[in-house]
Amino acid sequence: MHINKIEGYILDFPTIHTNFWDGVIAVPAIIIMTQCLKVFPIPRQYFPTIASILGFLISIFISHRENLWTGIFMGAFYGSSAVGTYASLKTVLGVWSP
């Protein structure tokens, strides 16, 4: 780990490695899984939470299983990215549809 000294304080930042899996496979996989869950009678307001939970599960148990804190940190990004991507696609396609 890289240790920085700033004005007498030691800041120890974790190294987080991202890879091809992060943006190209995990986020679309979460979007597809949440879309598949829409066949069940689940209220629509719970889907962002479901996407976040799926992001945490994929990140902690598949993508970053060697480090729990990295898995939690990146899981938040996976779920948030999936929700944001879906919302922006829904907005853009809604504007362009007749």
PDB file of N, CA and C in Angstrom:
ATOM      1  N   MET A   1       0.825  -1.174   0.000  1.00  0.00           N
ATOM      2  CA  MET A   1       0.000   0.000   0.000  1.00  0.00           C
ATOM      3  C   MET A   1       0.873   1.242   0.000  1.00  0.00           C
ATOM      4  N   HIS A   2       0.349   2.285  -0.578  1.00  0.00           N
ATOM      5  CA  HIS A   2       1.062   3.551  -0.658  1.00  0.00           C
ATOM      6  C   HIS A   2       0.654   4.417   0.526  1.00  0.00           C
ATOM      7  N   ILE A   3       1.623   4.910   1.263  1.00  0.00           N
ATOM      8  CA  ILE A   3       1.331   5.724   2.438  1.00  0.00           C
ATOM      9  C   ILE A   3       1.757   7.165   2.156  1.00  0.00           C
ATOM     10  N   ASN A   4       0.851   8.091   2.330  1.00  0.00           N
ATOM     11  CA  ASN A   4       1.119   9.514   2.152  1.00  0.00           C
ATOM     12  C   ASN A   4       1.218  10.182   3.515  1.00  0.00           C
ATOM     13  N   LYS A   5       2.145  11.121   3.661  1.00  0.00           N
ATOM     14  CA  LYS A   5       2.241  11.909   4.886  1.00  0.00           C
ATOM     15  C   LYS A   5       1.905  13.352   4.544  1.00  0.00           C
ATOM     16  N   ILE A   6       0.821  13.859   5.131  1.00  0.00           N
ATOM     17  CA  ILE A   6       0.394  15.226   4.910  1.00  0.00           C
ATOM     18  C   ILE A   6       0.291  15.909   6.264  1.00  0.00           C
ATOM     19  N   GLU A   7       1.153  16.903   6.503  1.00  0.00           N
ATOM     20  CA  GLU A   7       1.141  17.700   7.727  1.00  0.00           C
ATOM     21  C   GLU A   7       1.068  16.838   8.984  1.00  0.00           C
ATOM     22  N   GLY A   8       1.865  15.810   9.060  1.00  0.00           N
ATOM     23  CA  GLY A   8       1.930  14.979  10.246  1.00  0.00           C
ATOM     24  C   GLY A   8       0.914  13.860  10.312  1.00  0.00           C
ATOM     25  N   TYR A   9      -0.029  13.824   9.361  1.00  0.00           N
ATOM     26  CA  TYR A   9      -1.037  12.772   9.354  1.00  0.00           C
ATOM     27  C   TYR A   9      -0.630  11.706   8.331  1.00  0.00           C
ATOM     28  N   ILE A  10      -0.884  10.470   8.653  1.00  0.00           N
ATOM     29  CA  ILE A  10      -0.615   9.377   7.723  1.00  0.00           C
ATOM     30  C   ILE A  10      -1.934   8.947   7.115  1.00  0.00           C
ATOM     31  N   LEU A  11      -2.020   9.013   5.795  1.00  0.00           N
ATOM     32  CA  LEU A  11      -3.223   8.598   5.082  1.00  0.00           C
ATOM     33  C   LEU A  11      -2.920   7.304   4.349  1.00  0.00           C
ATOM     34  N   ASP A  12      -3.649   6.277   4.666  1.00  0.00           N
ATOM     35  CA  ASP A  12      -3.435   4.971   4.055  1.00  0.00           C
ATOM     36  C   ASP A  12      -4.628   4.661   3.154  1.00  0.00           C
ATOM     37  N   PHE A  13      -4.452   4.783   1.854  1.00  0.00           N
ATOM     38  CA  PHE A  13      -5.526   4.551   0.910  1.00  0.00           C
ATOM     39  C   PHE A  13      -5.447   3.137   0.358  1.00  0.00           C
ATOM     40  N   PRO A  14      -6.578   2.424   0.280  1.00  0.00           N
ATOM     41  CA  PRO A  14      -6.535   1.078  -0.313  1.00  0.00           C
ATOM     42  C   PRO A  14      -6.387   1.169  -1.831  1.00  0.00           C
ATOM     43  N   THR A  15      -5.742   0.170  -2.382  1.00  0.00           N
ATOM     44  CA  THR A  15      -5.603   0.093  -3.833  1.00  0.00           C
ATOM     45  C   THR A  15      -6.787  -0.692  -4.372  1.00  0.00           C
ATOM     46  N   ILE A  16      -7.555  -0.070  -5.270  1.00  0.00           N
ATOM     47  CA  ILE A  16      -8.719  -0.723  -5.856  1.00  0.00           C
ATOM     48  C   ILE A  16      -8.455  -0.913  -7.334  1.00  0.00           C
ATOM     49  N   HIS A  17      -8.447  -2.156  -7.758  1.00  0.00           N
ATOM     50  CA  HIS A  17      -8.193  -2.470  -9.155  1.00  0.00           C
ATOM     51  C   HIS A  17      -9.518  -2.689  -9.867  1.00  0.00           C
ATOM     52  N   THR A  18      -9.693  -2.016 -10.972  1.00  0.00           N
ATOM     53  CA  THR A  18     -10.858  -2.261 -11.810  1.00  0.00           C
ATOM     54  C   THR A  18     -10.398  -2.975 -13.067  1.00  0.00           C
ATOM     55  N   ASN A  19     -11.303  -3.676 -13.697  1.00  0.00           N
ATOM     56  CA  ASN A  19     -10.939  -4.411 -14.893  1.00  0.00           C
ATOM     57  C   ASN A  19     -12.091  -4.388 -15.890  1.00  0.00           C
ATOM     58  N   PHE A  20     -11.957  -5.141 -16.933  1.00  0.00           N
ATOM     59  CA  PHE A  20     -12.949  -5.212 -17.999  1.00  0.00           C
ATOM     60  C   PHE A  20     -14.310  -5.640 -17.466  1.00  0.00           C
ATOM     61  N   TRP A  21     -14.325  -6.490 -16.465  1.00  0.00           N
ATOM     62  CA  TRP A  21     -15.549  -7.019 -15.867  1.00  0.00           C
ATOM     63  C   TRP A  21     -16.436  -5.899 -15.342  1.00  0.00           C
ATOM     64  N   ASP A  22     -15.824  -4.864 -14.780  1.00  0.00           N
ATOM     65  CA  ASP A  22     -16.566  -3.822 -14.072  1.00  0.00           C
ATOM     66  C   ASP A  22     -17.623  -3.138 -14.922  1.00  0.00           C
ATOM     67  N   GLY A  23     -17.242  -2.570 -16.033  1.00  0.00           N
ATOM     68  CA  GLY A  23     -18.175  -1.759 -16.790  1.00  0.00           C
ATOM     69  C   GLY A  23     -18.900  -2.471 -17.907  1.00  0.00           C
ATOM     70  N   VAL A  24     -18.286  -3.505 -18.436  1.00  0.00           N
ATOM     71  CA  VAL A  24     -18.835  -4.108 -19.649  1.00  0.00           C
ATOM     72  C   VAL A  24     -19.705  -5.331 -19.361  1.00  0.00           C
ATOM     73  N   ILE A  25     -19.445  -6.007 -18.271  1.00  0.00           N
ATOM     74  CA  ILE A  25     -20.210  -7.227 -17.989  1.00  0.00           C
ATOM     75  C   ILE A  25     -21.099  -7.070 -16.754  1.00  0.00           C
ATOM     76  N   ALA A  26     -20.576  -6.528 -15.664  1.00  0.00           N
ATOM     77  CA  ALA A  26     -21.334  -6.481 -14.407  1.00  0.00           C
ATOM     78  C   ALA A  26     -22.556  -5.572 -14.495  1.00  0.00           C
ATOM     79  N   VAL A  27     -22.385  -4.370 -15.010  1.00  0.00           N
ATOM     80  CA  VAL A  27     -23.501  -3.415 -15.052  1.00  0.00           C
ATOM     81  C   VAL A  27     -24.622  -3.904 -15.974  1.00  0.00           C
ATOM     82  N   PRO A  28     -24.321  -4.324 -17.214  1.00  0.00           N
ATOM     83  CA  PRO A  28     -25.411  -4.883 -18.029  1.00  0.00           C
ATOM     84  C   PRO A  28     -26.034  -6.140 -17.426  1.00  0.00           C
ATOM     85  N   ALA A  29     -25.234  -6.957 -16.740  1.00  0.00           N
ATOM     86  CA  ALA A  29     -25.785  -8.153 -16.095  1.00  0.00           C
ATOM     87  C   ALA A  29     -26.795  -7.769 -15.016  1.00  0.00           C
ATOM     88  N   ILE A  30     -26.511  -6.731 -14.258  1.00  0.00           N
ATOM     89  CA  ILE A  30     -27.445  -6.269 -13.230  1.00  0.00           C
ATOM     90  C   ILE A  30     -28.716  -5.729 -13.875  1.00  0.00           C
ATOM     91  N   ILE A  31     -28.569  -4.983 -14.964  1.00  0.00           N
ATOM     92  CA  ILE A  31     -29.748  -4.464 -15.668  1.00  0.00           C
ATOM     93  C   ILE A  31     -30.609  -5.611 -16.179  1.00  0.00           C
ATOM     94  N   ILE A  32     -29.991  -6.615 -16.771  1.00  0.00           N
ATOM     95  CA  ILE A  32     -30.740  -7.767 -17.302  1.00  0.00           C
ATOM     96  C   ILE A  32     -31.426  -8.532 -16.174  1.00  0.00           C
ATOM     97  N   MET A  33     -30.715  -8.738 -15.049  1.00  0.00           N
ATOM     98  CA  MET A  33     -31.324  -9.469 -13.929  1.00  0.00           C
ATOM     99  C   MET A  33     -32.516  -8.717 -13.348  1.00  0.00           C
ATOM    100  N   THR A  34     -32.398  -7.393 -13.220  1.00  0.00           N
ATOM    101  CA  THR A  34     -33.529  -6.639 -12.682  1.00  0.00           C
ATOM    102  C   THR A  34     -34.702  -6.637 -13.659  1.00  0.00           C
ATOM    103  N   GLN A  35     -34.420  -6.621 -14.952  1.00  0.00           N
ATOM    104  CA  GLN A  35     -35.499  -6.698 -15.936  1.00  0.00           C
ATOM    105  C   GLN A  35     -36.194  -8.054 -15.885  1.00  0.00           C
ATOM    106  N   CYS A  36     -35.422  -9.109 -15.661  1.00  0.00           N
ATOM    107  CA  CYS A  36     -36.024 -10.443 -15.535  1.00  0.00           C
ATOM    108  C   CYS A  36     -36.901 -10.551 -14.285  1.00  0.00           C
ATOM    109  N   LEU A  37     -36.541  -9.826 -13.236  1.00  0.00           N
ATOM    110  CA  LEU A  37     -37.335  -9.856 -12.003  1.00  0.00           C
ATOM    111  C   LEU A  37     -38.652  -9.094 -12.132  1.00  0.00           C
ATOM    112  N   LYS A  38     -38.809  -8.314 -13.191  1.00  0.00           N
ATOM    113  CA  LYS A  38     -40.040  -7.539 -13.359  1.00  0.00           C
ATOM    114  C   LYS A  38     -41.236  -8.406 -13.734  1.00  0.00           C
ATOM    115  N   VAL A  39     -41.024  -9.685 -14.026  1.00  0.00           N
ATOM    116  CA  VAL A  39     -42.157 -10.577 -14.296  1.00  0.00           C
ATOM    117  C   VAL A  39     -42.872 -10.956 -13.000  1.00  0.00           C
ATOM    118  N   PHE A  40     -42.199 -10.746 -11.863  1.00  0.00           N
ATOM    119  CA  PHE A  40     -42.804 -11.033 -10.566  1.00  0.00           C
ATOM    120  C   PHE A  40     -43.538  -9.791 -10.047  1.00  0.00           C
ATOM    121  N   PRO A  41     -44.534  -9.976  -9.191  1.00  0.00           N
ATOM    122  CA  PRO A  41     -45.299  -8.815  -8.696  1.00  0.00           C
ATOM    123  C   PRO A  41     -44.546  -8.035  -7.614  1.00  0.00           C
ATOM    124  N   ILE A  42     -43.458  -7.403  -8.016  1.00  0.00           N
ATOM    125  CA  ILE A  42     -42.653  -6.588  -7.105  1.00  0.00           C
ATOM    126  C   ILE A  42     -42.947  -5.123  -7.418  1.00  0.00           C
ATOM    127  N   PRO A  43     -43.243  -4.310  -6.411  1.00  0.00           N
ATOM    128  CA  PRO A  43     -43.480  -2.891  -6.675  1.00  0.00           C
ATOM    129  C   PRO A  43     -42.256  -2.226  -7.311  1.00  0.00           C
ATOM    130  N   ARG A  44     -42.508  -1.330  -8.243  1.00  0.00           N
ATOM    131  CA  ARG A  44     -41.437  -0.707  -9.043  1.00  0.00           C
ATOM    132  C   ARG A  44     -40.438   0.094  -8.211  1.00  0.00           C
ATOM    133  N   GLN A  45     -40.859   0.648  -7.083  1.00  0.00           N
ATOM    134  CA  GLN A  45     -39.954   1.472  -6.303  1.00  0.00           C
ATOM    135  C   GLN A  45     -38.841   0.668  -5.631  1.00  0.00           C
ATOM    136  N   TYR A  46     -38.964  -0.673  -5.615  1.00  0.00           N
ATOM    137  CA  TYR A  46     -37.937  -1.503  -4.992  1.00  0.00           C
ATOM    138  C   TYR A  46     -36.809  -1.900  -5.944  1.00  0.00           C
ATOM    139  N   PHE A  47     -36.951  -1.639  -7.226  1.00  0.00           N
ATOM    140  CA  PHE A  47     -35.952  -2.106  -8.179  1.00  0.00           C
ATOM    141  C   PHE A  47     -34.592  -1.427  -8.052  1.00  0.00           C
ATOM    142  N   PRO A  48     -34.492  -0.133  -7.723  1.00  0.00           N
ATOM    143  CA  PRO A  48     -33.154   0.400  -7.466  1.00  0.00           C
ATOM    144  C   PRO A  48     -32.455  -0.275  -6.285  1.00  0.00           C
ATOM    145  N   THR A  49     -33.209  -0.618  -5.253  1.00  0.00           N
ATOM    146  CA  THR A  49     -32.629  -1.335  -4.115  1.00  0.00           C
ATOM    147  C   THR A  49     -32.196  -2.728  -4.519  1.00  0.00           C
ATOM    148  N   ILE A  50     -33.012  -3.398  -5.322  1.00  0.00           N
ATOM    149  CA  ILE A  50     -32.660  -4.735  -5.813  1.00  0.00           C
ATOM    150  C   ILE A  50     -31.395  -4.663  -6.666  1.00  0.00           C
ATOM    151  N   ALA A  51     -31.286  -3.637  -7.513  1.00  0.00           N
ATOM    152  CA  ALA A  51     -30.080  -3.468  -8.336  1.00  0.00           C
ATOM    153  C   ALA A  51     -28.852  -3.247  -7.459  1.00  0.00           C
ATOM    154  N   SER A  52     -29.002  -2.484  -6.392  1.00  0.00           N
ATOM    155  CA  SER A  52     -27.872  -2.262  -5.479  1.00  0.00           C
ATOM    156  C   SER A  52     -27.457  -3.552  -4.786  1.00  0.00           C
ATOM    157  N   ILE A  53     -28.433  -4.326  -4.342  1.00  0.00           N
ATOM    158  CA  ILE A  53     -28.129  -5.598  -3.686  1.00  0.00           C
ATOM    159  C   ILE A  53     -27.425  -6.539  -4.661  1.00  0.00           C
ATOM    160  N   LEU A  54     -27.912  -6.613  -5.897  1.00  0.00           N
ATOM    161  CA  LEU A  54     -27.254  -7.439  -6.905  1.00  0.00           C
ATOM    162  C   LEU A  54     -25.832  -6.953  -7.174  1.00  0.00           C
ATOM    163  N   GLY A  55     -25.642  -5.633  -7.201  1.00  0.00           N
ATOM    164  CA  GLY A  55     -24.299  -5.080  -7.393  1.00  0.00           C
ATOM    165  C   GLY A  55     -23.361  -5.489  -6.272  1.00  0.00           C
ATOM    166  N   PHE A  56     -23.845  -5.410  -5.031  1.00  0.00           N
ATOM    167  CA  PHE A  56     -23.020  -5.841  -3.901  1.00  0.00           C
ATOM    168  C   PHE A  56     -22.698  -7.332  -3.981  1.00  0.00           C
ATOM    169  N   LEU A  57     -23.691  -8.148  -4.300  1.00  0.00           N
ATOM    170  CA  LEU A  57     -23.463  -9.597  -4.373  1.00  0.00           C
ATOM    171  C   LEU A  57     -22.450  -9.958  -5.451  1.00  0.00           C
ATOM    172  N   ILE A  58     -22.603  -9.370  -6.630  1.00  0.00           N
ATOM    173  CA  ILE A  58     -21.668  -9.662  -7.724  1.00  0.00           C
ATOM    174  C   ILE A  58     -20.268  -9.189  -7.367  1.00  0.00           C
ATOM    175  N   SER A  59     -20.167  -8.002  -6.806  1.00  0.00           N
ATOM    176  CA  SER A  59     -18.855  -7.455  -6.498  1.00  0.00           C
ATOM    177  C   SER A  59     -18.158  -8.215  -5.369  1.00  0.00           C
ATOM    178  N   ILE A  60     -18.875  -8.499  -4.299  1.00  0.00           N
ATOM    179  CA  ILE A  60     -18.261  -9.150  -3.141  1.00  0.00           C
ATOM    180  C   ILE A  60     -17.925 -10.612  -3.420  1.00  0.00           C
ATOM    181  N   PHE A  61     -18.838 -11.341  -4.072  1.00  0.00           N
ATOM    182  CA  PHE A  61     -18.646 -12.773  -4.225  1.00  0.00           C
ATOM    183  C   PHE A  61     -18.025 -13.209  -5.548  1.00  0.00           C
ATOM    184  N   ILE A  62     -18.000 -12.347  -6.557  1.00  0.00           N
ATOM    185  CA  ILE A  62     -17.443 -12.746  -7.855  1.00  0.00           C
ATOM    186  C   ILE A  62     -16.253 -11.878  -8.240  1.00  0.00           C
ATOM    187  N   SER A  63     -16.477 -10.585  -8.339  1.00  0.00           N
ATOM    188  CA  SER A  63     -15.466  -9.705  -8.914  1.00  0.00           C
ATOM    189  C   SER A  63     -14.310  -9.384  -7.961  1.00  0.00           C
ATOM    190  N   HIS A  64     -14.608  -9.093  -6.708  1.00  0.00           N
ATOM    191  CA  HIS A  64     -13.572  -8.676  -5.756  1.00  0.00           C
ATOM    192  C   HIS A  64     -13.628  -9.531  -4.494  1.00  0.00           C
ATOM    193  N   ARG A  65     -13.619 -10.812  -4.651  1.00  0.00           N
ATOM    194  CA  ARG A  65     -13.756 -11.694  -3.492  1.00  0.00           C
ATOM    195  C   ARG A  65     -12.514 -11.730  -2.605  1.00  0.00           C
ATOM    196  N   GLU A  66     -11.398 -11.177  -3.071  1.00  0.00           N
ATOM    197  CA  GLU A  66     -10.179 -11.199  -2.265  1.00  0.00           C
ATOM    198  C   GLU A  66     -10.152 -10.107  -1.202  1.00  0.00           C
ATOM    199  N   ASN A  67     -11.010  -9.093  -1.336  1.00  0.00           N
ATOM    200  CA  ASN A  67     -11.002  -7.981  -0.390  1.00  0.00           C
ATOM    201  C   ASN A  67     -12.437  -7.502  -0.170  1.00  0.00           C
ATOM    202  N   LEU A  68     -12.927  -7.641   1.039  1.00  0.00           N
ATOM    203  CA  LEU A  68     -14.315  -7.290   1.355  1.00  0.00           C
ATOM    204  C   LEU A  68     -14.592  -5.810   1.152  1.00  0.00           C
ATOM    205  N   TRP A  69     -13.692  -4.941   1.623  1.00  0.00           N
ATOM    206  CA  TRP A  69     -13.942  -3.503   1.517  1.00  0.00           C
ATOM    207  C   TRP A  69     -13.950  -3.041   0.064  1.00  0.00           C
ATOM    208  N   THR A  70     -13.096  -3.612  -0.741  1.00  0.00           N
ATOM    209  CA  THR A  70     -13.120  -3.292  -2.166  1.00  0.00           C
ATOM    210  C   THR A  70     -14.422  -3.774  -2.784  1.00  0.00           C
ATOM    211  N   GLY A  71     -14.882  -4.963  -2.386  1.00  0.00           N
ATOM    212  CA  GLY A  71     -16.145  -5.492  -2.883  1.00  0.00           C
ATOM    213  C   GLY A  71     -17.321  -4.611  -2.527  1.00  0.00           C
ATOM    214  N   ILE A  72     -17.342  -4.112  -1.299  1.00  0.00           N
ATOM    215  CA  ILE A  72     -18.424  -3.225  -0.875  1.00  0.00           C
ATOM    216  C   ILE A  72     -18.364  -1.910  -1.647  1.00  0.00           C
ATOM    217  N   PHE A  73     -17.168  -1.351  -1.759  1.00  0.00           N
ATOM    218  CA  PHE A  73     -16.997  -0.077  -2.462  1.00  0.00           C
ATOM    219  C   PHE A  73     -17.407  -0.187  -3.930  1.00  0.00           C
ATOM    220  N   MET A  74     -16.918  -1.203  -4.611  1.00  0.00           N
ATOM    221  CA  MET A  74     -17.236  -1.363  -6.033  1.00  0.00           C
ATOM    222  C   MET A  74     -18.669  -1.835  -6.235  1.00  0.00           C
ATOM    223  N   GLY A  75     -19.235  -2.584  -5.288  1.00  0.00           N
ATOM    224  CA  GLY A  75     -20.631  -3.009  -5.380  1.00  0.00           C
ATOM    225  C   GLY A  75     -21.581  -1.827  -5.412  1.00  0.00           C
ATOM    226  N   ALA A  76     -21.261  -0.795  -4.642  1.00  0.00           N
ATOM    227  CA  ALA A  76     -22.077   0.417  -4.679  1.00  0.00           C
ATOM    228  C   ALA A  76     -22.023   1.054  -6.064  1.00  0.00           C
ATOM    229  N   PHE A  77     -20.860   1.032  -6.681  1.00  0.00           N
ATOM    230  CA  PHE A  77     -20.736   1.581  -8.035  1.00  0.00           C
ATOM    231  C   PHE A  77     -21.465   0.726  -9.063  1.00  0.00           C
ATOM    232  N   TYR A  78     -21.391  -0.591  -8.926  1.00  0.00           N
ATOM    233  CA  TYR A  78     -22.092  -1.469  -9.875  1.00  0.00           C
ATOM    234  C   TYR A  78     -23.590  -1.199  -9.853  1.00  0.00           C
ATOM    235  N   GLY A  79     -24.175  -1.215  -8.667  1.00  0.00           N
ATOM    236  CA  GLY A  79     -25.621  -0.991  -8.545  1.00  0.00           C
ATOM    237  C   GLY A  79     -26.034   0.392  -8.995  1.00  0.00           C
ATOM    238  N   SER A  80     -25.277   1.403  -8.591  1.00  0.00           N
ATOM    239  CA  SER A  80     -25.605   2.779  -8.984  1.00  0.00           C
ATOM    240  C   SER A  80     -25.449   2.984 -10.486  1.00  0.00           C
ATOM    241  N   SER A  81     -24.440   2.386 -11.066  1.00  0.00           N
ATOM    242  CA  SER A  81     -24.242   2.500 -12.515  1.00  0.00           C
ATOM    243  C   SER A  81     -25.374   1.836 -13.279  1.00  0.00           C
ATOM    244  N   ALA A  82     -25.827   0.695 -12.795  1.00  0.00           N
ATOM    245  CA  ALA A  82     -26.939   0.015 -13.459  1.00  0.00           C
ATOM    246  C   ALA A  82     -28.217   0.840 -13.380  1.00  0.00           C
ATOM    247  N   VAL A  83     -28.498   1.416 -12.222  1.00  0.00           N
ATOM    248  CA  VAL A  83     -29.697   2.238 -12.063  1.00  0.00           C
ATOM    249  C   VAL A  83     -29.610   3.485 -12.941  1.00  0.00           C
ATOM    250  N   GLY A  84     -28.464   4.133 -12.947  1.00  0.00           N
ATOM    251  CA  GLY A  84     -28.286   5.330 -13.757  1.00  0.00           C
ATOM    252  C   GLY A  84     -28.351   5.051 -15.249  1.00  0.00           C
ATOM    253  N   THR A  85     -27.751   3.952 -15.672  1.00  0.00           N
ATOM    254  CA  THR A  85     -27.797   3.592 -17.088  1.00  0.00           C
ATOM    255  C   THR A  85     -29.221   3.294 -17.516  1.00  0.00           C
ATOM    256  N   TYR A  86     -29.952   2.539 -16.699  1.00  0.00           N
ATOM    257  CA  TYR A  86     -31.342   2.226 -17.042  1.00  0.00           C
ATOM    258  C   TYR A  86     -32.191   3.494 -17.098  1.00  0.00           C
ATOM    259  N   ALA A  87     -32.016   4.391 -16.119  1.00  0.00           N
ATOM    260  CA  ALA A  87     -32.808   5.623 -16.085  1.00  0.00           C
ATOM    261  C   ALA A  87     -32.507   6.515 -17.292  1.00  0.00           C
ATOM    262  N   SER A  88     -31.239   6.616 -17.663  1.00  0.00           N
ATOM    263  CA  SER A  88     -30.900   7.464 -18.804  1.00  0.00           C
ATOM    264  C   SER A  88     -31.394   6.856 -20.109  1.00  0.00           C
ATOM    265  N   LEU A  89     -31.300   5.544 -20.252  1.00  0.00           N
ATOM    266  CA  LEU A  89     -31.828   4.894 -21.461  1.00  0.00           C
ATOM    267  C   LEU A  89     -33.345   5.052 -21.551  1.00  0.00           C
ATOM    268  N   LYS A  90     -34.022   4.913 -20.425  1.00  0.00           N
ATOM    269  CA  LYS A  90     -35.472   5.072 -20.401  1.00  0.00           C
ATOM    270  C   LYS A  90     -35.876   6.503 -20.779  1.00  0.00           C
ATOM    271  N   THR A  91     -35.111   7.475 -20.298  1.00  0.00           N
ATOM    272  CA  THR A  91     -35.389   8.873 -20.616  1.00  0.00           C
ATOM    273  C   THR A  91     -35.150   9.163 -22.099  1.00  0.00           C
ATOM    274  N   VAL A  92     -34.021   8.726 -22.624  1.00  0.00           N
ATOM    275  CA  VAL A  92     -33.677   8.996 -24.017  1.00  0.00           C
ATOM    276  C   VAL A  92     -34.627   8.288 -24.955  1.00  0.00           C
ATOM    277  N   LEU A  93     -34.916   7.026 -24.689  1.00  0.00           N
ATOM    278  CA  LEU A  93     -35.823   6.286 -25.562  1.00  0.00           C
ATOM    279  C   LEU A  93     -37.250   6.803 -25.455  1.00  0.00           C
ATOM    280  N   GLY A  94     -37.621   7.316 -24.290  1.00  0.00           N
ATOM    281  CA  GLY A  94     -38.951   7.902 -24.124  1.00  0.00           C
ATOM    282  C   GLY A  94     -39.108   9.200 -24.900  1.00  0.00           C
ATOM    283  N   VAL A  95     -38.034   9.951 -25.011  1.00  0.00           N
ATOM    284  CA  VAL A  95     -38.060  11.206 -25.767  1.00  0.00           C
ATOM    285  C   VAL A  95     -38.142  10.913 -27.263  1.00  0.00           C
ATOM    286  N   TRP A  96     -37.410   9.887 -27.710  1.00  0.00           N
ATOM    287  CA  TRP A  96     -37.349   9.596 -29.138  1.00  0.00           C
ATOM    288  C   TRP A  96     -38.525   8.780 -29.656  1.00  0.00           C
ATOM    289  N   SER A  97     -39.273   8.171 -28.763  1.00  0.00           N
ATOM    290  CA  SER A  97     -40.388   7.347 -29.251  1.00  0.00           C
ATOM    291  C   SER A  97     -41.571   8.245 -29.632  1.00  0.00           C
ATOM    292  N   PRO A  98     -42.333   7.821 -30.634  1.00  0.00           N
ATOM    293  CA  PRO A  98     -43.474   8.648 -31.101  1.00  0.00           C
ATOM    294  C   PRO A  98     -44.626   8.667 -30.120  1.00  0.00           C
TER     295      PRO A  98
END
